[in-house]
C-alpha atoms as a PDB file:
ATOM      1  CA  MET A   1      16.622   4.620   0.710  1.00  0.00           C
ATOM      2  CA  THR A   2      13.932   2.068  -0.118  1.00  0.00           C
ATOM      3  CA  PRO A   3      14.999  -1.481  -1.105  1.00  0.00           C
ATOM      4  CA  SER A   4      14.998  -2.443  -4.768  1.00  0.00           C
ATOM      5  CA  LEU A   5      11.863  -4.201  -5.932  1.00  0.00           C
ATOM      6  CA  PRO A   6      12.293  -7.833  -6.971  1.00  0.00           C
ATOM      7  CA  ARG A   7      12.456  -8.603 -10.657  1.00  0.00           C
ATOM      8  CA  VAL A   8       9.121 -10.046 -11.770  1.00  0.00           C
ATOM      9  CA  VAL A   9       8.550 -12.881 -14.244  1.00  0.00           C
ATOM     10  CA  ASN A  10       5.280 -14.479 -15.331  1.00  0.00           C
ATOM     11  CA  HIS A  11       5.965 -16.412 -18.559  1.00  0.00           C
ATOM     12  CA  ASP A  12       5.856 -13.282 -20.732  1.00  0.00           C
ATOM     13  CA  SER A  13       9.619 -13.476 -20.970  1.00  0.00           C
ATOM     14  CA  ALA A  14      12.475 -15.807 -20.110  1.00  0.00           C
ATOM     15  CA  VAL A  15      13.925 -15.835 -16.621  1.00  0.00           C
ATOM     16  CA  PRO A  16      17.195 -13.843 -16.708  1.00  0.00           C
ATOM     17  CA  LEU A  17      20.213 -16.128 -16.544  1.00  0.00           C
ATOM     18  CA  ASP A  18      21.480 -14.514 -13.341  1.00  0.00           C
ATOM     19  CA  LEU A  19      18.178 -15.382 -11.618  1.00  0.00           C
ATOM     20  CA  ARG A  20      17.996 -19.028 -12.599  1.00  0.00           C
ATOM     21  CA  GLY A  21      18.943 -21.580  -9.974  1.00  0.00           C
ATOM     22  CA  SER A  22      17.051 -19.753  -7.280  1.00  0.00           C
ATOM     23  CA  VAL A  23      15.859 -21.066  -3.952  1.00  0.00           C
ATOM     24  CA  ILE A  24      12.128 -20.386  -4.114  1.00  0.00           C
ATOM     25  CA  VAL A  25       9.420 -20.131  -1.471  1.00  0.00           C
ATOM     26  CA  LEU A  26       6.028 -21.361  -2.694  1.00  0.00           C
ATOM     27  CA  GLY A  27       2.685 -20.086  -1.424  1.00  0.00           C
ATOM     28  CA  ASN A  28      -0.060 -17.504  -1.860  1.00  0.00           C
ATOM     29  CA  PHE A  29       1.465 -14.850   0.408  1.00  0.00           C
ATOM     30  CA  ASP A  30      -1.695 -12.877   1.043  1.00  0.00           C
ATOM     31  CA  GLY A  31      -0.119 -10.891   3.831  1.00  0.00           C
ATOM     32  CA  VAL A  32       3.495 -11.790   4.578  1.00  0.00           C
ATOM     33  CA  HIS A  33       3.022 -12.980   8.144  1.00  0.00           C
ATOM     34  CA  LEU A  34       5.437 -14.486  10.651  1.00  0.00           C
ATOM     35  CA  GLY A  35       4.952 -17.978   9.238  1.00  0.00           C
ATOM     36  CA  HIS A  36       5.807 -16.770   5.740  1.00  0.00           C
ATOM     37  CA  ARG A  37       8.864 -14.973   7.067  1.00  0.00           C
ATOM     38  CA  ALA A  38      10.101 -18.200   8.625  1.00  0.00           C
ATOM     39  CA  LEU A  39       9.951 -19.785   5.158  1.00  0.00           C
ATOM     40  CA  ILE A  40      11.776 -16.823   3.618  1.00  0.00           C
ATOM     41  CA  GLU A  41      14.491 -16.921   6.273  1.00  0.00           C
ATOM     42  CA  ARG A  42      15.112 -20.620   5.639  1.00  0.00           C
ATOM     43  CA  ALA A  43      15.258 -19.980   1.891  1.00  0.00           C
ATOM     44  CA  ARG A  44      17.609 -17.040   2.447  1.00  0.00           C
ATOM     45  CA  LEU A  45      19.996 -19.252   4.430  1.00  0.00           C
ATOM     46  CA  LEU A  46      20.057 -21.843   1.641  1.00  0.00           C
ATOM     47  CA  ALA A  47      20.427 -19.194  -1.070  1.00  0.00           C
ATOM     48  CA  ASP A  48      23.355 -17.567   0.735  1.00  0.00           C
ATOM     49  CA  GLN A  49      25.058 -20.929   1.192  1.00  0.00           C
ATOM     50  CA  ARG A  50      24.734 -21.665  -2.529  1.00  0.00           C
ATOM     51  CA  GLY A  51      25.299 -18.186  -3.873  1.00  0.00           C
ATOM     52  CA  ALA A  52      21.837 -18.465  -5.438  1.00  0.00           C
ATOM     53  CA  PRO A  53      19.065 -15.893  -5.939  1.00  0.00           C
ATOM     54  CA  LEU A  54      16.204 -15.778  -3.426  1.00  0.00           C
ATOM     55  CA  ALA A  55      12.760 -16.144  -5.031  1.00  0.00           C
ATOM     56  CA  VAL A  56       9.070 -16.218  -4.107  1.00  0.00           C
ATOM     57  CA  MET A  57       6.016 -17.414  -6.010  1.00  0.00           C
ATOM     58  CA  SER A  58       2.812 -15.433  -5.524  1.00  0.00           C
ATOM     59  CA  SER A  59       0.084 -15.550  -8.176  1.00  0.00           C
ATOM     60  CA  GLU A  60      -2.232 -12.759  -9.272  1.00  0.00           C
ATOM     61  CA  PRO A  61      -5.111 -12.572  -8.919  1.00  0.00           C
ATOM     62  CA  HIS A  62      -5.422 -14.466  -5.660  1.00  0.00           C
ATOM     63  CA  PRO A  63      -6.860 -17.932  -6.438  1.00  0.00           C
ATOM     64  CA  ARG A  64      -9.982 -17.136  -4.418  1.00  0.00           C
ATOM     65  CA  GLN A  65     -10.713 -14.154  -6.662  1.00  0.00           C
ATOM     66  CA  PHE A  66     -10.464 -16.300  -9.758  1.00  0.00           C
ATOM     67  CA  LEU A  67     -12.419 -19.273  -8.432  1.00  0.00           C
ATOM     68  CA  ASN A  68     -15.112 -17.149  -6.749  1.00  0.00           C
ATOM     69  CA  PRO A  69     -15.254 -13.659  -8.318  1.00  0.00           C
ATOM     70  CA  ASP A  70     -18.204 -12.620  -6.130  1.00  0.00           C
ATOM     71  CA  ILE A  71     -16.443 -13.456  -2.865  1.00  0.00           C
ATOM     72  CA  ALA A  72     -16.686 -10.826  -0.132  1.00  0.00           C
ATOM     73  CA  PRO A  73     -13.620  -8.581   0.311  1.00  0.00           C
ATOM     74  CA  PHE A  74     -10.899 -10.704   1.908  1.00  0.00           C
ATOM     75  CA  ARG A  75      -7.451  -9.702   0.671  1.00  0.00           C
ATOM     76  CA  LEU A  76      -4.759  -8.623   3.098  1.00  0.00           C
ATOM     77  CA  SER A  77      -2.257  -7.569   0.443  1.00  0.00           C
ATOM     78  CA  SER A  78      -2.545  -5.816  -2.873  1.00  0.00           C
ATOM     79  CA  ARG A  79      -0.036  -6.483  -5.632  1.00  0.00           C
ATOM     80  CA  PRO A  80       1.974  -3.259  -5.023  1.00  0.00           C
ATOM     81  CA  GLY A  81       1.921  -3.878  -1.279  1.00  0.00           C
ATOM     82  CA  LYS A  82       3.209  -7.427  -1.631  1.00  0.00           C
ATOM     83  CA  ARG A  83       6.023  -6.320  -3.902  1.00  0.00           C
ATOM     84  CA  LEU A  84       7.210  -3.746  -1.372  1.00  0.00           C
ATOM     85  CA  VAL A  85       7.160  -6.292   1.453  1.00  0.00           C
ATOM     86  CA  PHE A  86       9.089  -8.744  -0.706  1.00  0.00           C
ATOM     87  CA  ALA A  87      11.637  -6.008  -1.432  1.00  0.00           C
ATOM     88  CA  ALA A  88      12.033  -5.316   2.283  1.00  0.00           C
ATOM     89  CA  ASN A  89      12.696  -9.038   2.788  1.00  0.00           C
ATOM     90  CA  GLY A  90      15.473  -9.109   0.198  1.00  0.00           C
ATOM     91  CA  ILE A  91      13.651 -11.105  -2.490  1.00  0.00           C
ATOM     92  CA  ASP A  92      15.553 -11.073  -5.785  1.00  0.00           C
ATOM     93  CA  LEU A  93      12.953 -12.734  -8.019  1.00  0.00           C
ATOM     94  CA  LEU A  94       9.163 -12.738  -7.854  1.00  0.00           C
ATOM     95  CA  TYR A  95       7.479 -15.410  -9.934  1.00  0.00           C
ATOM     96  CA  GLU A  96       4.001 -13.936 -10.342  1.00  0.00           C
ATOM     97  CA  PRO A  97       1.995 -16.238 -12.612  1.00  0.00           C
ATOM     98  CA  SER A  98      -1.454 -15.255 -13.820  1.00  0.00           C
ATOM     99  CA  PHE A  99      -3.924 -17.464 -11.994  1.00  0.00           C
ATOM    100  CA  ASP A 100      -6.209 -18.396 -14.871  1.00  0.00           C
ATOM    101  CA  VAL A 101      -7.809 -21.561 -16.257  1.00  0.00           C
ATOM    102  CA  ALA A 102      -4.541 -22.839 -17.687  1.00  0.00           C
ATOM    103  CA  PHE A 103      -2.668 -22.351 -14.418  1.00  0.00           C
ATOM    104  CA  ALA A 104      -5.505 -23.636 -12.222  1.00  0.00           C
ATOM    105  CA  THR A 105      -5.850 -26.872 -14.198  1.00  0.00           C
ATOM    106  CA  ARG A 106      -2.129 -27.637 -14.481  1.00  0.00           C
ATOM    107  CA  SER A 107      -1.266 -31.015 -12.963  1.00  0.00           C
ATOM    108  CA  PRO A 108       1.200 -31.165 -10.055  1.00  0.00           C
ATOM    109  CA  GLN A 109       3.680 -33.023 -12.272  1.00  0.00           C
ATOM    110  CA  ASP A 110       3.462 -30.372 -14.988  1.00  0.00           C
ATOM    111  CA  PHE A 111       3.968 -27.644 -12.403  1.00  0.00           C
ATOM    112  CA  ILE A 112       7.129 -29.349 -11.185  1.00  0.00           C
ATOM    113  CA  VAL A 113       8.575 -30.286 -14.569  1.00  0.00           C
ATOM    114  CA  ASP A 114       7.497 -27.321 -16.704  1.00  0.00           C
ATOM    115  CA  ILE A 115       7.690 -24.487 -14.187  1.00  0.00           C
ATOM    116  CA  LEU A 116      10.029 -25.314 -11.304  1.00  0.00           C
ATOM    117  CA  VAL A 117      12.577 -27.238 -13.379  1.00  0.00           C
ATOM    118  CA  GLY A 118      12.023 -25.976 -16.921  1.00  0.00           C
ATOM    119  CA  TYR A 119      11.034 -22.324 -16.619  1.00  0.00           C
ATOM    120  CA  LEU A 120      12.627 -21.261 -13.318  1.00  0.00           C
ATOM    121  CA  GLY A 121      15.422 -23.825 -13.066  1.00  0.00           C
ATOM    122  CA  VAL A 122      15.241 -23.788  -9.266  1.00  0.00           C
ATOM    123  CA  SER A 123      17.950 -25.291  -7.073  1.00  0.00           C
ATOM    124  CA  GLY A 124      15.770 -25.460  -3.984  1.00  0.00           C
ATOM    125  CA  VAL A 125      12.158 -25.236  -2.809  1.00  0.00           C
ATOM    126  CA  VAL A 126      10.938 -24.168   0.626  1.00  0.00           C
ATOM    127  CA  VAL A 127       7.311 -24.767   1.634  1.00  0.00           C
ATOM    128  CA  GLY A 128       5.089 -24.976   4.673  1.00  0.00           C
ATOM    129  CA  ASP A 129       3.969 -28.418   5.784  1.00  0.00           C
ATOM    130  CA  ASP A 130       0.412 -27.803   4.536  1.00  0.00           C
ATOM    131  CA  PHE A 131       1.332 -26.598   1.031  1.00  0.00           C
ATOM    132  CA  ARG A 132      -0.944 -27.801  -1.782  1.00  0.00           C
ATOM    133  CA  PHE A 133      -0.655 -27.114  -5.506  1.00  0.00           C
ATOM    134  CA  GLY A 134      -1.847 -28.188  -8.928  1.00  0.00           C
ATOM    135  CA  HIS A 135      -5.293 -28.977 -10.288  1.00  0.00           C
ATOM    136  CA  LYS A 136      -7.842 -29.066  -7.451  1.00  0.00           C
ATOM    137  CA  ARG A 137      -4.945 -28.836  -4.971  1.00  0.00           C
ATOM    138  CA  SER A 138      -4.103 -32.445  -5.755  1.00  0.00           C
ATOM    139  CA  GLY A 139      -0.346 -32.013  -5.231  1.00  0.00           C
ATOM    140  CA  GLY A 140       1.375 -31.842  -1.869  1.00  0.00           C
ATOM    141  CA  VAL A 141       4.709 -31.773  -0.105  1.00  0.00           C
ATOM    142  CA  GLU A 142       5.271 -35.449  -0.788  1.00  0.00           C
ATOM    143  CA  ASP A 143       5.154 -34.816  -4.549  1.00  0.00           C
ATOM    144  CA  LEU A 144       7.831 -32.134  -4.279  1.00  0.00           C
ATOM    145  CA  VAL A 145      10.047 -34.348  -2.127  1.00  0.00           C
ATOM    146  CA  LYS A 146       9.711 -37.232  -4.578  1.00  0.00           C
ATOM    147  CA  ALA A 147      10.483 -34.994  -7.563  1.00  0.00           C
ATOM    148  CA  GLY A 148      13.497 -33.463  -5.854  1.00  0.00           C
ATOM    149  CA  ARG A 149      15.202 -36.781  -5.232  1.00  0.00           C
ATOM    150  CA  GLY A 150      18.263 -37.417  -7.339  1.00  0.00           C
ATOM    151  CA  GLY A 151      19.506 -33.856  -7.040  1.00  0.00           C
ATOM    152  CA  ARG A 152      16.982 -32.047  -9.243  1.00  0.00           C
ATOM    153  CA  PHE A 153      16.358 -29.609  -6.394  1.00  0.00           C
ATOM    154  CA  SER A 154      16.318 -29.655  -2.609  1.00  0.00           C
ATOM    155  CA  VAL A 155      13.048 -29.487  -0.657  1.00  0.00           C
ATOM    156  CA  ASP A 156      12.822 -27.976   2.813  1.00  0.00           C
ATOM    157  CA  VAL A 157       9.520 -28.305   4.686  1.00  0.00           C
ATOM    158  CA  ILE A 158       8.902 -25.881   7.550  1.00  0.00           C
ATOM    159  CA  ALA A 159       6.530 -26.769  10.376  1.00  0.00           C
ATOM    160  CA  GLU A 160       3.580 -24.557  11.285  1.00  0.00           C
ATOM    161  CA  LEU A 161       4.112 -21.474  13.416  1.00  0.00           C
ATOM    162  CA  GLN A 162       1.858 -20.963  16.429  1.00  0.00           C
ATOM    163  CA  LEU A 163       0.429 -17.649  17.608  1.00  0.00           C
ATOM    164  CA  GLU A 164      -2.188 -17.227  20.316  1.00  0.00           C
ATOM    165  CA  GLN A 165      -2.115 -21.001  20.900  1.00  0.00           C
ATOM    166  CA  ALA A 166      -3.132 -21.960  17.368  1.00  0.00           C
ATOM    167  CA  ARG A 167      -1.667 -22.254  13.896  1.00  0.00           C
ATOM    168  CA  LEU A 168      -0.955 -18.862  12.372  1.00  0.00           C
ATOM    169  CA  SER A 169      -2.621 -18.352   9.006  1.00  0.00           C
ATOM    170  CA  SER A 170      -3.853 -15.585   6.743  1.00  0.00           C
ATOM    171  CA  THR A 171      -7.399 -16.744   7.557  1.00  0.00           C
ATOM    172  CA  ARG A 172      -6.894 -16.052  11.266  1.00  0.00           C
ATOM    173  CA  ILE A 173      -5.414 -12.631  10.509  1.00  0.00           C
ATOM    174  CA  ARG A 174      -8.427 -11.792   8.362  1.00  0.00           C
ATOM    175  CA  GLY A 175     -10.644 -12.613  11.319  1.00  0.00           C
ATOM    176  CA  TRP A 176      -8.651 -10.347  13.625  1.00  0.00           C
ATOM    177  CA  ILE A 177      -8.863  -7.432  11.187  1.00  0.00           C
ATOM    178  CA  ALA A 178     -12.585  -7.931  10.604  1.00  0.00           C
ATOM    179  CA  ASP A 179     -13.073  -7.914  14.394  1.00  0.00           C
ATOM    180  CA  GLY A 180     -10.950  -4.801  14.852  1.00  0.00           C
ATOM    181  CA  LYS A 181      -8.164  -6.665  16.693  1.00  0.00           C
ATOM    182  CA  LEU A 182      -5.460  -4.750  14.876  1.00  0.00           C
ATOM    183  CA  ALA A 183      -2.795  -5.275  17.535  1.00  0.00           C
ATOM    184  CA  LEU A 184      -2.896  -9.017  16.850  1.00  0.00           C
ATOM    185  CA  ALA A 185      -2.842  -8.424  13.098  1.00  0.00           C
ATOM    186  CA  HIS A 186       0.188  -6.136  13.484  1.00  0.00           C
ATOM    187  CA  GLN A 187       1.977  -8.730  15.560  1.00  0.00           C
ATOM    188  CA  ALA A 188       1.304 -11.449  12.995  1.00  0.00           C
ATOM    189  CA  LEU A 189       2.228  -9.252  10.015  1.00  0.00           C
ATOM    190  CA  CYS A 190       5.237  -7.566  11.692  1.00  0.00           C
ATOM    191  CA  GLY A 191       3.553  -4.217  11.077  1.00  0.00           C
ATOM    192  CA  ALA A 192       3.632  -4.709   7.300  1.00  0.00           C
ATOM    193  CA  TRP A 193      -0.070  -4.593   6.466  1.00  0.00           C
ATOM    194  CA  LEU A 194       0.003  -2.619   3.214  1.00  0.00           C
ATOM    195  CA  THR A 195      -3.200  -1.632   1.427  1.00  0.00           C
ATOM    196  CA  SER A 196      -3.469   0.106  -1.937  1.00  0.00           C
ATOM    197  CA  VAL A 197      -5.718   3.142  -2.157  1.00  0.00           C
ATOM    198  CA  SER A 198      -6.636   5.913  -4.532  1.00  0.00           C
ATOM    199  CA  ILE A 199      -7.174   9.342  -2.994  1.00  0.00           C
ATOM    200  CA  VAL A 200      -9.516  11.721  -4.787  1.00  0.00           C
ATOM    201  CA  GLU A 201      -9.602  15.499  -4.600  1.00  0.00           C
ATOM    202  CA  ASP A 202     -12.188  15.737  -1.830  1.00  0.00           C
ATOM    203  CA  GLY A 203     -10.091  13.492   0.441  1.00  0.00           C
ATOM    204  CA  SER A 204     -12.188  10.398  -0.165  1.00  0.00           C
ATOM    205  CA  VAL A 205     -10.228   7.151  -0.147  1.00  0.00           C
ATOM    206  CA  LEU A 206     -11.059   4.333  -2.547  1.00  0.00           C
ATOM    207  CA  PHE A 207      -9.922   0.790  -1.812  1.00  0.00           C
ATOM    208  CA  GLU A 208      -9.438  -2.108  -4.191  1.00  0.00           C
ATOM    209  CA  SER A 209     -12.649  -4.117  -4.430  1.00  0.00           C
ATOM    210  CA  HIS A 210     -11.302  -7.247  -2.699  1.00  0.00           C
ATOM    211  CA  GLN A 211      -9.410  -5.397   0.042  1.00  0.00           C
ATOM    212  CA  LEU A 212     -10.425  -6.441   3.548  1.00  0.00           C
ATOM    213  CA  LEU A 213     -11.140  -3.487   5.862  1.00  0.00           C
ATOM    214  CA  PRO A 214     -11.462  -3.201   9.631  1.00  0.00           C
ATOM    215  CA  PRO A 215     -14.782  -2.163  11.174  1.00  0.00           C
ATOM    216  CA  ALA A 216     -16.121   1.374  10.764  1.00  0.00           C
ATOM    217  CA  GLY A 217     -14.233   3.848  12.900  1.00  0.00           C
ATOM    218  CA  HIS A 218     -11.289   6.221  13.105  1.00  0.00           C
ATOM    219  CA  TYR A 219      -7.780   4.924  12.394  1.00  0.00           C
ATOM    220  CA  GLN A 220      -4.330   6.424  12.494  1.00  0.00           C
ATOM    221  CA  VAL A 221      -2.535   5.321   9.352  1.00  0.00           C
ATOM    222  CA  GLN A 222       0.717   6.058   7.626  1.00  0.00           C
ATOM    223  CA  LEU A 223       0.652   6.967   3.956  1.00  0.00           C
ATOM    224  CA  LEU A 224       3.405   5.773   1.629  1.00  0.00           C
ATOM    225  CA  ASP A 225       4.078   6.476  -1.990  1.00  0.00           C
ATOM    226  CA  ARG A 226       4.320   3.511  -4.361  1.00  0.00           C
ATOM    227  CA  SER A 227       8.071   3.238  -3.774  1.00  0.00           C
ATOM    228  CA  GLY A 228       7.462   2.814  -0.040  1.00  0.00           C
ATOM    229  CA  ALA A 229       8.663   6.282   0.978  1.00  0.00           C
ATOM    230  CA  PRO A 230       6.663   7.629   3.973  1.00  0.00           C
ATOM    231  CA  LEU A 231       4.373  10.606   3.411  1.00  0.00           C
ATOM    232  CA  GLY A 232       3.232  11.136   6.991  1.00  0.00           C
ATOM    233  CA  PHE A 233       0.515  10.019   9.395  1.00  0.00           C
ATOM    234  CA  GLU A 234      -3.157  10.813   8.929  1.00  0.00           C
ATOM    235  CA  ILE A 235      -6.523   9.960  10.481  1.00  0.00           C
ATOM    236  CA  LEU A 236      -8.631   7.756   8.231  1.00  0.00           C
ATOM    237  CA  THR A 237     -12.351   7.452   8.949  1.00  0.00           C
ATOM    238  CA  ILE A 238     -14.275   4.459   7.620  1.00  0.00           C
ATOM    239  CA  THR A 239     -18.070   4.477   7.431  1.00  0.00           C
ATOM    240  CA  PRO A 240     -20.377   1.727   6.097  1.00  0.00           C
ATOM    241  CA  PRO A 241     -20.376   0.096   3.692  1.00  0.00           C
ATOM    242  CA  ARG A 242     -16.859   0.915   2.415  1.00  0.00           C
ATOM    243  CA  HIS A 243     -16.667   4.708   2.472  1.00  0.00           C
ATOM    244  CA  ALA A 244     -13.499   6.326   3.784  1.00  0.00           C
ATOM    245  CA  HIS A 245     -11.899   9.756   3.931  1.00  0.00           C
ATOM    246  CA  LEU A 246      -8.844  11.457   5.370  1.00  0.00           C
ATOM    247  CA  SER A 247      -9.112  14.051   8.110  1.00  0.00           C
ATOM    248  CA  THR A 248      -7.003  16.605   6.214  1.00  0.00           C
ATOM    249  CA  ASP A 249      -6.482  17.727   2.643  1.00  0.00           C
ATOM    250  CA  ARG A 250      -2.679  17.794   2.934  1.00  0.00           C
ATOM    251  CA  VAL A 251      -2.374  14.779   0.668  1.00  0.00           C
ATOM    252  CA  GLY A 252      -3.104  15.353  -2.980  1.00  0.00           C
ATOM    253  CA  PRO A 253      -5.037  12.943  -5.174  1.00  0.00           C
ATOM    254  CA  GLY A 254      -3.347   9.871  -6.550  1.00  0.00           C
ATOM    255  CA  ALA A 255      -2.384   6.284  -5.829  1.00  0.00           C
ATOM    256  CA  ARG A 256      -0.937   5.548  -2.420  1.00  0.00           C
ATOM    257  CA  LEU A 257      -0.267   2.749   0.038  1.00  0.00           C
ATOM    258  CA  ILE A 258      -1.446   2.692   3.647  1.00  0.00           C
ATOM    259  CA  THR A 259       0.303   0.960   6.514  1.00  0.00           C
ATOM    260  CA  ASP A 260       0.529   1.135  10.314  1.00  0.00           C
ATOM    261  CA  TRP A 261      -3.235   0.915  10.877  1.00  0.00           C
ATOM    262  CA  ARG A 262      -4.052   1.691  14.512  1.00  0.00           C
ATOM    263  CA  ALA A 263      -7.334   2.536  16.149  1.00  0.00           C
ATOM    264  CA  ALA A 264      -7.515   6.277  16.910  1.00  0.00           C
ATOM    265  CA  ASP A 265      -8.885   7.025  20.379  1.00  0.00           C
ATOM    266  CA  PHE A 266     -10.740  10.344  20.547  1.00  0.00           C
ATOM    267  CA  ASP A 267     -12.227   9.799  24.013  1.00  0.00           C
END
């Protein structure tokens, strides 16, 4: 049985009363890596202690897509993939704001007062020590700590997590995937690298335009339906520039998710 997806809010409707007072983790979450999971685990501990919902903020589109629409494919996680990973991590509420001009130009103070306190009514915030927010990334951890004083909400700041003798980040994982170092990417992402695809009748596989892909080659992958249920393992072949197809026609056309990318050795 697959976990229930988190309930999603984005200002189109009020936050349900039973989901107010959450402990929320703030970030981009492009790929829920080990560092992100450390934040979630800290937030889960606080939420359990308080009997509060567990929440995550992750905007769509990714800020890089909005600020630089012509950027080369870079995304680790699609929206459906992220939601499934959040479900597997027990997230109750996903605050998924639209990253647009209004959101990008909001001041740090407005973000705190209007969104964290007013809209979400959070009881606690958990962030990494390098978290930035607000117009031109002008807000930082110190602004959250200052705003939280007096009992408005608690602020927990989690130190960086190291992997391969350096700070773990989505940027480093992107580099590993681009270089074909999938074992390192799997380690960093706990195996949960989920990519959205559309499969057409001839077995061709279409990726979202901003989805980062590994180098051309043959890969063993696992196909999932959109609820996360496994559909079996297949061989996926990628050829330049972004062409891909499955080795069999056992899978009918439609939207799918791919996980468990591993290089297939035919030697």
